[in-house]
Amino acid sequence: MSELNTRPVIVTGGASGIGRAIVDRLVAEGYPVGVFDINQAGLAELATAHGEAVCTYSVDISDYGSVAAAVAQFEQDTSSVYGLVNNAGWDEARVFLDTDPEFWRKIIDLNLYGPLNVTHCVLSRLKTRGAGRVVSIASDAGRVGSSGEAVYSAAKGGTIALMKTLAREHARHGITFNSICPGPTDTPLLAGFDDSGKLLEALKRAIPLKRLAEPADFPGLVVYFLSEEASFVTGQTISISGGLSMHG
């Protein structure tokens, strides 16, 4: 195990889905992990599964004060935070003209203000120490758009832009910022978009590799971005979509 792998990492939304797969992989790699989530059952299951390797915190990431307190507590429980994985997200498919400001706020609070809050709280500590890694799980919706996801797409596009800007601002501080953009992924969130299952089958036909992504498709790239091998990689946005979106 390298010394780097003993440096603590925070994962938001790590109690289920893609986040859970990321947490499992980080623990296997030797990282101490702090999970910020509102999923109480998922947090309890993580604590049972991983014991002292994982610290769990019930946190609403849209609440800056709660985030700041949780980051401080994580450092008390482990040691200085080194990495952050902004994974938490939520959406509901709706045509834009059928939405309202209350819905917009719900989407933006979690998908944009959440990463803003957690990144801000962690970044001040990374800057002081002159090292760190930030990885955001964005979405291809934020790169190419997605019908029925206008506000979600806007929020994820904002997260991508945030990572690129911070990569420029903090390169001299030894901190890297990168984004991973999932394509359609086989999670309960996607299944909830279409009870008939026709959408999922259509997506499978459209994807060159002829399947939906699985949560297990993402942790490998997260581990790479957190590693010393990626020390010269920053401000990048990479899609994991089976070829559905290809960027030159």
C-alpha atoms as a PDB file:
ATOM      1  CA  MET A   1       0.000   0.000   0.000  1.00  0.00           C
ATOM      2  CA  SER A   2       1.381   3.405  -0.948  1.00  0.00           C
ATOM      3  CA  GLU A   3       1.504   6.225   1.567  1.00  0.00           C
ATOM      4  CA  LEU A   4      -0.946   8.138  -0.634  1.00  0.00           C
ATOM      5  CA  ASN A   5      -3.606   5.499  -0.063  1.00  0.00           C
ATOM      6  CA  THR A   6      -3.649   6.245   3.659  1.00  0.00           C
ATOM      7  CA  ARG A   7      -4.845   9.817   3.039  1.00  0.00           C
ATOM      8  CA  PRO A   8      -8.521  10.362   3.904  1.00  0.00           C
ATOM      9  CA  VAL A   9     -11.134  10.908   1.205  1.00  0.00           C
ATOM     10  CA  ILE A  10     -14.688  12.260   1.533  1.00  0.00           C
ATOM     11  CA  VAL A  11     -17.390  10.839  -0.748  1.00  0.00           C
ATOM     12  CA  THR A  12     -20.785  12.519  -0.936  1.00  0.00           C
ATOM     13  CA  GLY A  13     -23.802  10.360  -1.671  1.00  0.00           C
ATOM     14  CA  GLY A  14     -21.746   7.282  -0.934  1.00  0.00           C
ATOM     15  CA  ALA A  15     -24.474   5.187   0.658  1.00  0.00           C
ATOM     16  CA  SER A  16     -25.947   3.833  -2.586  1.00  0.00           C
ATOM     17  CA  GLY A  17     -25.537   3.526  -6.355  1.00  0.00           C
ATOM     18  CA  ILE A  18     -22.366   4.831  -7.977  1.00  0.00           C
ATOM     19  CA  GLY A  19     -21.268   6.373  -4.690  1.00  0.00           C
ATOM     20  CA  ARG A  20     -21.431   3.053  -2.881  1.00  0.00           C
ATOM     21  CA  ALA A  21     -19.333   1.386  -5.571  1.00  0.00           C
ATOM     22  CA  ILE A  22     -16.755   4.167  -5.218  1.00  0.00           C
ATOM     23  CA  VAL A  23     -16.646   3.776  -1.430  1.00  0.00           C
ATOM     24  CA  ASP A  24     -16.198   0.004  -1.693  1.00  0.00           C
ATOM     25  CA  ARG A  25     -13.289   0.426  -4.108  1.00  0.00           C
ATOM     26  CA  LEU A  26     -11.589   3.137  -2.053  1.00  0.00           C
ATOM     27  CA  VAL A  27     -11.775   0.984   1.059  1.00  0.00           C
ATOM     28  CA  ALA A  28     -10.298  -1.930  -0.897  1.00  0.00           C
ATOM     29  CA  GLU A  29      -7.465   0.380  -2.019  1.00  0.00           C
ATOM     30  CA  GLY A  30      -6.726   1.303   1.595  1.00  0.00           C
ATOM     31  CA  TYR A  31      -8.170   4.810   1.803  1.00  0.00           C
ATOM     32  CA  PRO A  32      -9.900   5.959   5.007  1.00  0.00           C
ATOM     33  CA  VAL A  33     -13.280   7.172   3.746  1.00  0.00           C
ATOM     34  CA  GLY A  34     -15.852   9.611   5.084  1.00  0.00           C
ATOM     35  CA  VAL A  35     -19.323   9.303   3.611  1.00  0.00           C
ATOM     36  CA  PHE A  36     -21.732  12.264   3.615  1.00  0.00           C
ATOM     37  CA  ASP A  37     -25.314  11.217   2.898  1.00  0.00           C
ATOM     38  CA  ILE A  38     -28.909  11.576   4.093  1.00  0.00           C
ATOM     39  CA  ASN A  39     -29.647   7.887   3.454  1.00  0.00           C
ATOM     40  CA  GLN A  40     -29.690   6.600   7.023  1.00  0.00           C
ATOM     41  CA  ALA A  41     -30.236   2.957   6.115  1.00  0.00           C
ATOM     42  CA  GLY A  42     -27.423   3.062   3.583  1.00  0.00           C
ATOM     43  CA  LEU A  43     -25.051   4.693   6.064  1.00  0.00           C
ATOM     44  CA  ALA A  44     -25.828   2.038   8.648  1.00  0.00           C
ATOM     45  CA  GLU A  45     -25.184  -0.730   6.128  1.00  0.00           C
ATOM     46  CA  LEU A  46     -21.860   0.865   5.143  1.00  0.00           C
ATOM     47  CA  ALA A  47     -20.777   1.028   8.775  1.00  0.00           C
ATOM     48  CA  THR A  48     -21.595  -2.646   9.201  1.00  0.00           C
ATOM     49  CA  ALA A  49     -19.848  -3.666   5.986  1.00  0.00           C
ATOM     50  CA  HIS A  50     -16.631  -1.695   6.420  1.00  0.00           C
ATOM     51  CA  GLY A  51     -16.248  -1.025  10.123  1.00  0.00           C
ATOM     52  CA  GLU A  52     -13.588   1.511  11.070  1.00  0.00           C
ATOM     53  CA  ALA A  53     -12.460   1.956   7.448  1.00  0.00           C
ATOM     54  CA  VAL A  54     -15.500   4.168   6.854  1.00  0.00           C
ATOM     55  CA  CYS A  55     -16.787   7.100   8.897  1.00  0.00           C
ATOM     56  CA  THR A  56     -20.414   7.941   8.167  1.00  0.00           C
ATOM     57  CA  TYR A  57     -22.102  11.323   8.607  1.00  0.00           C
ATOM     58  CA  SER A  58     -25.726  12.252   8.109  1.00  0.00           C
ATOM     59  CA  VAL A  59     -25.294  15.449   6.103  1.00  0.00           C
ATOM     60  CA  ASP A  60     -27.514  17.526   3.841  1.00  0.00           C
ATOM     61  CA  ILE A  61     -24.881  18.849   1.449  1.00  0.00           C
ATOM     62  CA  SER A  62     -27.118  21.758   0.444  1.00  0.00           C
ATOM     63  CA  ASP A  63     -26.628  23.128   3.999  1.00  0.00           C
ATOM     64  CA  TYR A  64     -23.224  24.846   4.183  1.00  0.00           C
ATOM     65  CA  GLY A  65     -23.094  24.890   7.982  1.00  0.00           C
ATOM     66  CA  SER A  66     -23.789  21.158   8.215  1.00  0.00           C
ATOM     67  CA  VAL A  67     -21.115  20.444   5.619  1.00  0.00           C
ATOM     68  CA  ALA A  68     -18.509  22.572   7.428  1.00  0.00           C
ATOM     69  CA  ALA A  69     -19.224  20.793  10.718  1.00  0.00           C
ATOM     70  CA  ALA A  70     -19.015  17.356   9.095  1.00  0.00           C
ATOM     71  CA  VAL A  71     -15.701  18.112   7.381  1.00  0.00           C
ATOM     72  CA  ALA A  72     -14.244  19.292  10.692  1.00  0.00           C
ATOM     73  CA  GLN A  73     -15.541  16.170  12.442  1.00  0.00           C
ATOM     74  CA  PHE A  74     -14.101  13.899   9.753  1.00  0.00           C
ATOM     75  CA  GLU A  75     -10.673  15.414  10.295  1.00  0.00           C
ATOM     76  CA  GLN A  76     -11.014  14.855  14.033  1.00  0.00           C
ATOM     77  CA  ASP A  77     -12.049  11.253  13.437  1.00  0.00           C
ATOM     78  CA  THR A  78      -9.242  10.484  10.957  1.00  0.00           C
ATOM     79  CA  SER A  79      -6.585  12.986   9.900  1.00  0.00           C
ATOM     80  CA  SER A  80      -6.211  15.776   7.367  1.00  0.00           C
ATOM     81  CA  VAL A  81      -8.566  15.310   4.415  1.00  0.00           C
ATOM     82  CA  TYR A  82      -6.740  14.826   1.118  1.00  0.00           C
ATOM     83  CA  GLY A  83      -9.398  13.922  -1.421  1.00  0.00           C
ATOM     84  CA  LEU A  84     -13.014  14.763  -2.210  1.00  0.00           C
ATOM     85  CA  VAL A  85     -15.410  12.920  -4.494  1.00  0.00           C
ATOM     86  CA  ASN A  86     -18.508  15.016  -5.234  1.00  0.00           C
ATOM     87  CA  ASN A  87     -20.891  12.226  -6.121  1.00  0.00           C
ATOM     88  CA  ALA A  88     -24.277  13.048  -4.593  1.00  0.00           C
ATOM     89  CA  GLY A  89     -26.985  13.932  -7.084  1.00  0.00           C
ATOM     90  CA  TRP A  90     -30.681  13.667  -7.796  1.00  0.00           C
ATOM     91  CA  ASP A  91     -33.035  14.269 -10.704  1.00  0.00           C
ATOM     92  CA  GLU A  92     -36.562  13.682 -11.916  1.00  0.00           C
ATOM     93  CA  ALA A  93     -37.409  13.704 -15.603  1.00  0.00           C
ATOM     94  CA  ARG A  94     -39.676  16.635 -16.479  1.00  0.00           C
ATOM     95  CA  VAL A  95     -40.105  18.813 -19.545  1.00  0.00           C
ATOM     96  CA  PHE A  96     -38.788  22.265 -18.664  1.00  0.00           C
ATOM     97  CA  LEU A  97     -42.105  24.082 -19.216  1.00  0.00           C
ATOM     98  CA  ASP A  98     -43.750  21.661 -16.772  1.00  0.00           C
ATOM     99  CA  THR A  99     -41.358  22.660 -13.977  1.00  0.00           C
ATOM    100  CA  ASP A 100     -41.376  25.582 -11.570  1.00  0.00           C
ATOM    101  CA  PRO A 101     -38.915  27.509  -9.400  1.00  0.00           C
ATOM    102  CA  GLU A 102     -39.465  25.188  -6.427  1.00  0.00           C
ATOM    103  CA  PHE A 103     -38.391  22.219  -8.545  1.00  0.00           C
ATOM    104  CA  TRP A 104     -35.431  24.178  -9.922  1.00  0.00           C
ATOM    105  CA  ARG A 105     -34.241  24.977  -6.421  1.00  0.00           C
ATOM    106  CA  LYS A 106     -34.443  21.337  -5.361  1.00  0.00           C
ATOM    107  CA  ILE A 107     -32.352  20.220  -8.335  1.00  0.00           C
ATOM    108  CA  ILE A 108     -29.817  23.050  -8.075  1.00  0.00           C
ATOM    109  CA  ASP A 109     -29.466  22.828  -4.288  1.00  0.00           C
ATOM    110  CA  LEU A 110     -28.286  19.234  -4.481  1.00  0.00           C
ATOM    111  CA  ASN A 111     -26.521  19.090  -7.838  1.00  0.00           C
ATOM    112  CA  LEU A 112     -24.764  22.475  -7.852  1.00  0.00           C
ATOM    113  CA  TYR A 113     -24.872  24.064  -4.402  1.00  0.00           C
ATOM    114  CA  GLY A 114     -23.941  20.707  -2.890  1.00  0.00           C
ATOM    115  CA  PRO A 115     -20.615  20.465  -4.751  1.00  0.00           C
ATOM    116  CA  LEU A 116     -20.035  24.192  -4.162  1.00  0.00           C
ATOM    117  CA  ASN A 117     -20.533  23.775  -0.407  1.00  0.00           C
ATOM    118  CA  VAL A 118     -18.419  20.671   0.059  1.00  0.00           C
ATOM    119  CA  THR A 119     -15.655  21.792  -2.282  1.00  0.00           C
ATOM    120  CA  HIS A 120     -15.421  25.172  -0.556  1.00  0.00           C
ATOM    121  CA  CYS A 121     -15.168  23.595   2.896  1.00  0.00           C
ATOM    122  CA  VAL A 122     -12.539  21.064   1.815  1.00  0.00           C
ATOM    123  CA  LEU A 123     -10.557  23.335  -0.502  1.00  0.00           C
ATOM    124  CA  SER A 124      -9.552  25.816   2.181  1.00  0.00           C
ATOM    125  CA  ARG A 125      -7.856  22.943   4.006  1.00  0.00           C
ATOM    126  CA  LEU A 126      -6.192  21.525   0.890  1.00  0.00           C
ATOM    127  CA  LYS A 127      -4.800  24.938  -0.042  1.00  0.00           C
ATOM    128  CA  THR A 128      -3.225  25.360   3.387  1.00  0.00           C
ATOM    129  CA  ARG A 129      -1.505  21.981   3.031  1.00  0.00           C
ATOM    130  CA  GLY A 130      -0.472  22.465  -0.597  1.00  0.00           C
ATOM    131  CA  ALA A 131      -1.862  19.181  -1.908  1.00  0.00           C
ATOM    132  CA  GLY A 132      -5.116  17.437  -2.693  1.00  0.00           C
ATOM    133  CA  ARG A 133      -7.481  15.891  -5.207  1.00  0.00           C
ATOM    134  CA  VAL A 134     -11.077  16.793  -6.081  1.00  0.00           C
ATOM    135  CA  VAL A 135     -13.166  14.591  -8.388  1.00  0.00           C
ATOM    136  CA  SER A 136     -16.738  15.443  -9.338  1.00  0.00           C
ATOM    137  CA  ILE A 137     -19.214  12.956 -10.729  1.00  0.00           C
ATOM    138  CA  ALA A 138     -21.020  15.187 -13.202  1.00  0.00           C
ATOM    139  CA  SER A 139     -23.066  13.866 -16.133  1.00  0.00           C
ATOM    140  CA  ASP A 140     -23.048  13.726 -19.907  1.00  0.00           C
ATOM    141  CA  ALA A 141     -26.278  15.708 -19.573  1.00  0.00           C
ATOM    142  CA  GLY A 142     -24.034  18.608 -18.596  1.00  0.00           C
ATOM    143  CA  ARG A 143     -21.935  18.193 -21.750  1.00  0.00           C
ATOM    144  CA  VAL A 144     -24.473  17.455 -24.495  1.00  0.00           C
ATOM    145  CA  GLY A 145     -27.885  18.117 -22.910  1.00  0.00           C
ATOM    146  CA  SER A 146     -30.641  15.620 -22.170  1.00  0.00           C
ATOM    147  CA  SER A 147     -34.342  15.881 -22.956  1.00  0.00           C
ATOM    148  CA  GLY A 148     -36.394  16.129 -19.778  1.00  0.00           C
ATOM    149  CA  GLU A 149     -33.365  17.167 -17.709  1.00  0.00           C
ATOM    150  CA  ALA A 150     -32.907  20.866 -18.460  1.00  0.00           C
ATOM    151  CA  VAL A 151     -32.231  22.052 -14.918  1.00  0.00           C
ATOM    152  CA  TYR A 152     -30.182  18.980 -14.002  1.00  0.00           C
ATOM    153  CA  SER A 153     -28.126  19.488 -17.165  1.00  0.00           C
ATOM    154  CA  ALA A 154     -27.544  23.118 -16.226  1.00  0.00           C
ATOM    155  CA  ALA A 155     -26.427  22.165 -12.719  1.00  0.00           C
ATOM    156  CA  LYS A 156     -24.063  19.454 -13.922  1.00  0.00           C
ATOM    157  CA  GLY A 157     -22.666  21.771 -16.578  1.00  0.00           C
ATOM    158  CA  GLY A 158     -22.011  24.236 -13.784  1.00  0.00           C
ATOM    159  CA  THR A 159     -20.142  21.602 -11.799  1.00  0.00           C
ATOM    160  CA  ILE A 160     -17.935  20.810 -14.799  1.00  0.00           C
ATOM    161  CA  ALA A 161     -17.172  24.512 -15.232  1.00  0.00           C
ATOM    162  CA  LEU A 162     -16.435  24.802 -11.502  1.00  0.00           C
ATOM    163  CA  MET A 163     -13.857  22.021 -11.690  1.00  0.00           C
ATOM    164  CA  LYS A 164     -12.140  23.585 -14.716  1.00  0.00           C
ATOM    165  CA  THR A 165     -11.977  27.012 -13.105  1.00  0.00           C
ATOM    166  CA  LEU A 166     -10.663  25.707  -9.787  1.00  0.00           C
ATOM    167  CA  ALA A 167      -8.094  23.633 -11.678  1.00  0.00           C
ATOM    168  CA  ARG A 168      -6.711  26.902 -13.040  1.00  0.00           C
ATOM    169  CA  GLU A 169      -6.932  28.815  -9.773  1.00  0.00           C
ATOM    170  CA  HIS A 170      -5.251  26.177  -7.634  1.00  0.00           C
ATOM    171  CA  ALA A 171      -2.721  24.480  -9.918  1.00  0.00           C
ATOM    172  CA  ARG A 172       0.062  26.314  -8.077  1.00  0.00           C
ATOM    173  CA  HIS A 173      -1.220  24.899  -4.800  1.00  0.00           C
ATOM    174  CA  GLY A 174      -0.746  21.275  -5.846  1.00  0.00           C
ATOM    175  CA  ILE A 175      -4.476  20.520  -6.051  1.00  0.00           C
ATOM    176  CA  THR A 176      -6.101  18.832  -9.054  1.00  0.00           C
ATOM    177  CA  PHE A 177      -9.752  18.979 -10.122  1.00  0.00           C
ATOM    178  CA  ASN A 178     -11.348  16.609 -12.625  1.00  0.00           C
ATOM    179  CA  SER A 179     -14.843  15.550 -13.673  1.00  0.00           C
ATOM    180  CA  ILE A 180     -16.289  12.179 -14.616  1.00  0.00           C
ATOM    181  CA  CYS A 181     -19.461  12.186 -16.730  1.00  0.00           C
ATOM    182  CA  PRO A 182     -21.585   9.059 -16.532  1.00  0.00           C
ATOM    183  CA  GLY A 183     -23.833   8.214 -19.431  1.00  0.00           C
ATOM    184  CA  PRO A 184     -27.073   6.281 -18.817  1.00  0.00           C
ATOM    185  CA  THR A 185     -26.411   4.100 -15.769  1.00  0.00           C
ATOM    186  CA  ASP A 186     -28.412   1.173 -14.428  1.00  0.00           C
ATOM    187  CA  THR A 187     -29.522   2.676 -11.110  1.00  0.00           C
ATOM    188  CA  PRO A 188     -32.945   3.093  -9.446  1.00  0.00           C
ATOM    189  CA  LEU A 189     -32.831   6.778 -10.426  1.00  0.00           C
ATOM    190  CA  LEU A 190     -32.732   5.941 -14.136  1.00  0.00           C
ATOM    191  CA  ALA A 191     -35.327   3.197 -13.789  1.00  0.00           C
ATOM    192  CA  GLY A 192     -37.679   5.739 -12.234  1.00  0.00           C
ATOM    193  CA  PHE A 193     -37.674   7.759 -15.461  1.00  0.00           C
ATOM    194  CA  ASP A 194     -39.742   5.131 -17.314  1.00  0.00           C
ATOM    195  CA  ASP A 195     -41.814   2.420 -15.645  1.00  0.00           C
ATOM    196  CA  SER A 196     -42.393   0.652 -18.964  1.00  0.00           C
ATOM    197  CA  GLY A 197     -38.718  -0.134 -19.497  1.00  0.00           C
ATOM    198  CA  LYS A 198     -38.902   1.010 -23.127  1.00  0.00           C
ATOM    199  CA  LEU A 199     -36.527   3.910 -22.514  1.00  0.00           C
ATOM    200  CA  LEU A 200     -33.852   1.637 -21.081  1.00  0.00           C
ATOM    201  CA  GLU A 201     -34.059  -0.722 -24.032  1.00  0.00           C
ATOM    202  CA  ALA A 202     -33.837   2.173 -26.475  1.00  0.00           C
ATOM    203  CA  LEU A 203     -30.770   3.491 -24.670  1.00  0.00           C
ATOM    204  CA  LYS A 204     -29.090   0.100 -24.842  1.00  0.00           C
ATOM    205  CA  ARG A 205     -29.618   0.031 -28.609  1.00  0.00           C
ATOM    206  CA  ALA A 206     -28.183   3.539 -28.968  1.00  0.00           C
ATOM    207  CA  ILE A 207     -25.032   2.875 -26.931  1.00  0.00           C
ATOM    208  CA  PRO A 208     -22.222   1.488 -29.116  1.00  0.00           C
ATOM    209  CA  LEU A 209     -21.198  -1.009 -26.429  1.00  0.00           C
ATOM    210  CA  LYS A 210     -24.866  -2.119 -26.215  1.00  0.00           C
ATOM    211  CA  ARG A 211     -25.423  -1.914 -22.492  1.00  0.00           C
ATOM    212  CA  LEU A 212     -26.093   0.601 -19.761  1.00  0.00           C
ATOM    213  CA  ALA A 213     -23.280   1.584 -17.461  1.00  0.00           C
ATOM    214  CA  GLU A 214     -23.100  -0.142 -14.083  1.00  0.00           C
ATOM    215  CA  PRO A 215     -21.971   1.511 -10.831  1.00  0.00           C
ATOM    216  CA  ALA A 216     -18.838  -0.641 -10.972  1.00  0.00           C
ATOM    217  CA  ASP A 217     -17.754   1.079 -14.202  1.00  0.00           C
ATOM    218  CA  PHE A 218     -16.762   4.301 -12.400  1.00  0.00           C
ATOM    219  CA  PRO A 219     -14.545   3.630  -9.344  1.00  0.00           C
ATOM    220  CA  GLY A 220     -11.435   2.772 -11.360  1.00  0.00           C
ATOM    221  CA  LEU A 221     -11.234   6.244 -12.894  1.00  0.00           C
ATOM    222  CA  VAL A 222     -11.947   7.836  -9.510  1.00  0.00           C
ATOM    223  CA  VAL A 223      -9.035   5.928  -7.981  1.00  0.00           C
ATOM    224  CA  TYR A 224      -6.789   7.036 -10.851  1.00  0.00           C
ATOM    225  CA  PHE A 225      -7.690  10.721 -10.406  1.00  0.00           C
ATOM    226  CA  LEU A 226      -6.963  10.433  -6.674  1.00  0.00           C
ATOM    227  CA  SER A 227      -3.629   8.731  -7.256  1.00  0.00           C
ATOM    228  CA  GLU A 228      -0.112  10.061  -7.653  1.00  0.00           C
ATOM    229  CA  GLU A 229      -0.169   8.760 -11.228  1.00  0.00           C
ATOM    230  CA  ALA A 230      -2.692  11.506 -12.069  1.00  0.00           C
ATOM    231  CA  SER A 231      -0.642  14.322 -10.532  1.00  0.00           C
ATOM    232  CA  PHE A 232      -0.245  15.981 -13.963  1.00  0.00           C
ATOM    233  CA  VAL A 233      -3.923  15.613 -14.929  1.00  0.00           C
ATOM    234  CA  THR A 234      -6.225  18.473 -14.017  1.00  0.00           C
ATOM    235  CA  GLY A 235      -9.201  20.331 -15.466  1.00  0.00           C
ATOM    236  CA  GLN A 236     -10.271  17.278 -17.456  1.00  0.00           C
ATOM    237  CA  THR A 237     -13.766  15.950 -18.156  1.00  0.00           C
ATOM    238  CA  ILE A 238     -14.083  12.294 -19.147  1.00  0.00           C
ATOM    239  CA  SER A 239     -17.258  10.504 -20.190  1.00  0.00           C
ATOM    240  CA  ILE A 240     -17.977   6.919 -19.208  1.00  0.00           C
ATOM    241  CA  SER A 241     -20.860   6.189 -21.517  1.00  0.00           C
ATOM    242  CA  GLY A 242     -20.081   3.134 -23.606  1.00  0.00           C
ATOM    243  CA  GLY A 243     -19.403   5.418 -26.554  1.00  0.00           C
ATOM    244  CA  LEU A 244     -22.798   7.145 -26.513  1.00  0.00           C
ATOM    245  CA  SER A 245     -20.962  10.468 -26.303  1.00  0.00           C
ATOM    246  CA  MET A 246     -17.528  10.870 -27.850  1.00  0.00           C
ATOM    247  CA  HIS A 247     -15.491  14.043 -27.455  1.00  0.00           C
ATOM    248  CA  GLY A 248     -12.410  14.981 -29.391  1.00  0.00           C
END
